Amino acid sequence: MNTLYPVFLKLDNKRCAVIGGGKTATRKVKALLQAKAKVTVISPKFTKELKELAENGAIEVIKRRYEEGDLDKYFLIFGATNSEEINKTVIKEAKKKNILCNVVDDPPNCDFYVPSTNCG
């Protein structure tokens, strides 16, 4: 088991990306917005709530599957797809570029963990 170092991140105006557009991605987006992050979501499909956030200008959306190179301009990444293959590619790219990355349901490959909260 890895030794963990507890930390709270200041994400105000930091560019963060969420790969995936489902319910889990929506929860991650809402938490990032609460932290005042600038959020981009990359996914071919989005929940109704994500669509509304995009229409209101709260988030940027890129309507397509993740492609290698998409992570270049971000400080922090969440992989939240239902594709193990895509999630593994996200992890690989993030590690290569020294970008903090959390892929849901894959703790051994995450750079950080997010505790449960009531953010909706």
Protein backbone atom coordinates (compact mmCIF):
# COMPACT_ATOMS: atom_id res chain seq x y z
CA MET A 1 0.00 0.00 0.00
CA ASN A 2 1.22 3.48 -0.83
CA THR A 3 1.80 6.00 1.88
CA LEU A 4 -0.52 8.94 1.35
CA TYR A 5 0.07 12.62 2.02
CA PRO A 6 -3.15 14.48 2.89
CA VAL A 7 -3.65 17.72 0.97
CA PHE A 8 -6.36 20.15 -0.08
CA LEU A 9 -5.92 21.65 -3.53
CA LYS A 10 -6.72 25.21 -4.53
CA LEU A 11 -8.46 24.79 -7.87
CA ASP A 12 -9.70 28.36 -8.30
CA ASN A 13 -9.32 29.12 -12.03
CA LYS A 14 -7.29 25.94 -12.60
CA ARG A 15 -8.11 24.09 -15.80
CA CYS A 16 -9.52 20.64 -15.00
CA ALA A 17 -10.91 18.02 -17.35
CA VAL A 18 -13.40 15.24 -16.85
CA ILE A 19 -13.32 12.46 -19.42
CA GLY A 20 -16.81 10.99 -19.61
CA GLY A 21 -20.30 12.43 -19.55
CA GLY A 22 -22.36 10.14 -17.34
CA LYS A 23 -23.60 10.27 -13.75
CA THR A 24 -20.18 9.81 -12.15
CA ALA A 25 -18.68 12.48 -14.40
CA THR A 26 -21.53 14.81 -13.44
CA ARG A 27 -20.70 14.38 -9.74
CA LYS A 28 -17.03 15.14 -10.42
CA VAL A 29 -17.92 18.22 -12.46
CA LYS A 30 -20.19 19.58 -9.74
CA ALA A 31 -17.47 19.16 -7.10
CA LEU A 32 -14.90 20.87 -9.35
CA LEU A 33 -17.28 23.77 -9.96
CA GLN A 34 -17.76 24.15 -6.20
CA ALA A 35 -13.97 24.52 -5.98
CA LYS A 36 -14.13 27.25 -8.68
CA ALA A 37 -12.19 25.20 -11.24
CA LYS A 38 -12.49 25.85 -14.98
CA VAL A 39 -14.00 22.60 -16.18
CA THR A 40 -13.95 20.93 -19.57
CA VAL A 41 -15.84 17.68 -20.19
CA ILE A 42 -14.84 15.42 -23.08
CA SER A 43 -17.43 12.84 -24.07
CA PRO A 44 -19.62 11.87 -27.02
CA LYS A 45 -22.68 11.91 -24.70
CA PHE A 46 -23.66 14.02 -21.70
CA THR A 47 -26.21 13.85 -18.91
CA LYS A 48 -29.01 16.39 -19.01
CA GLU A 49 -27.37 18.23 -16.11
CA LEU A 50 -24.04 18.53 -17.95
CA LYS A 51 -25.84 19.80 -21.04
CA GLU A 52 -27.53 22.47 -18.93
CA LEU A 53 -24.22 23.48 -17.33
CA ALA A 54 -22.71 23.82 -20.80
CA GLU A 55 -25.67 25.84 -22.10
CA ASN A 56 -25.29 28.19 -19.11
CA GLY A 57 -21.58 28.61 -19.79
CA ALA A 58 -20.52 26.98 -16.52
CA ILE A 59 -18.45 24.32 -18.30
CA GLU A 60 -16.90 23.74 -21.69
CA VAL A 61 -17.80 20.53 -23.51
CA ILE A 62 -16.02 18.70 -26.29
CA LYS A 63 -18.50 16.33 -27.88
CA ARG A 64 -16.41 13.39 -28.95
CA ARG A 65 -14.43 10.52 -27.49
CA TYR A 66 -11.20 11.29 -25.66
CA GLU A 67 -8.13 11.33 -27.91
CA GLU A 68 -4.50 11.22 -26.87
CA GLY A 69 -3.24 14.79 -26.62
CA ASP A 70 -6.47 16.09 -25.05
CA LEU A 71 -4.84 16.51 -21.62
CA ASP A 72 -2.13 18.99 -22.61
CA LYS A 73 -3.62 22.10 -21.04
CA TYR A 74 -5.02 20.75 -17.78
CA PHE A 75 -3.81 20.75 -14.17
CA LEU A 76 -6.00 17.88 -12.99
CA ILE A 77 -7.90 15.09 -14.75
CA PHE A 78 -10.75 12.79 -13.83
CA GLY A 79 -11.32 9.70 -15.96
CA ALA A 80 -14.97 8.76 -15.57
CA THR A 81 -15.87 6.63 -18.56
CA ASN A 82 -17.34 3.15 -18.63
CA SER A 83 -14.48 2.04 -20.90
CA GLU A 84 -11.51 0.45 -19.15
CA GLU A 85 -9.47 0.94 -22.33
CA ILE A 86 -10.13 4.70 -22.45
CA ASN A 87 -9.53 5.09 -18.72
CA LYS A 88 -6.17 3.29 -19.00
CA THR A 89 -5.17 5.56 -21.91
CA VAL A 90 -6.11 8.63 -19.84
CA ILE A 91 -3.98 7.38 -16.93
CA LYS A 92 -1.05 6.65 -19.24
CA GLU A 93 -1.13 10.10 -20.85
CA ALA A 94 -1.56 11.91 -17.53
CA LYS A 95 1.38 10.07 -15.95
CA LYS A 96 3.56 10.76 -19.00
CA LYS A 97 2.76 14.48 -18.72
CA ASN A 98 2.90 14.68 -14.90
CA ILE A 99 -0.75 15.71 -14.64
CA LEU A 100 -2.65 14.72 -11.50
CA CYS A 101 -5.16 12.03 -12.45
CA ASN A 102 -7.96 10.10 -10.78
CA VAL A 103 -9.77 7.39 -12.66
CA VAL A 104 -12.90 6.23 -10.91
CA ASP A 105 -12.90 2.59 -9.79
CA ASP A 106 -9.13 2.21 -10.34
CA PRO A 107 -7.45 3.29 -7.06
CA PRO A 108 -4.09 1.60 -7.72
CA ASN A 109 -3.56 3.83 -10.76
CA CYS A 110 -4.80 7.10 -9.24
CA ASP A 111 -2.52 9.93 -8.15
CA PHE A 112 -5.06 11.01 -5.54
CA TYR A 113 -8.33 9.95 -3.94
CA VAL A 114 -11.44 12.02 -3.37
CA PRO A 115 -13.44 11.41 -0.19
CA SER A 116 -17.20 11.05 -0.35
CA THR A 117 -19.08 14.32 0.01
CA ASN A 118 -22.65 15.59 -0.30
CA CYS A 119 -22.34 17.74 -3.39
CA GLY A 120 -25.61 16.74 -4.94
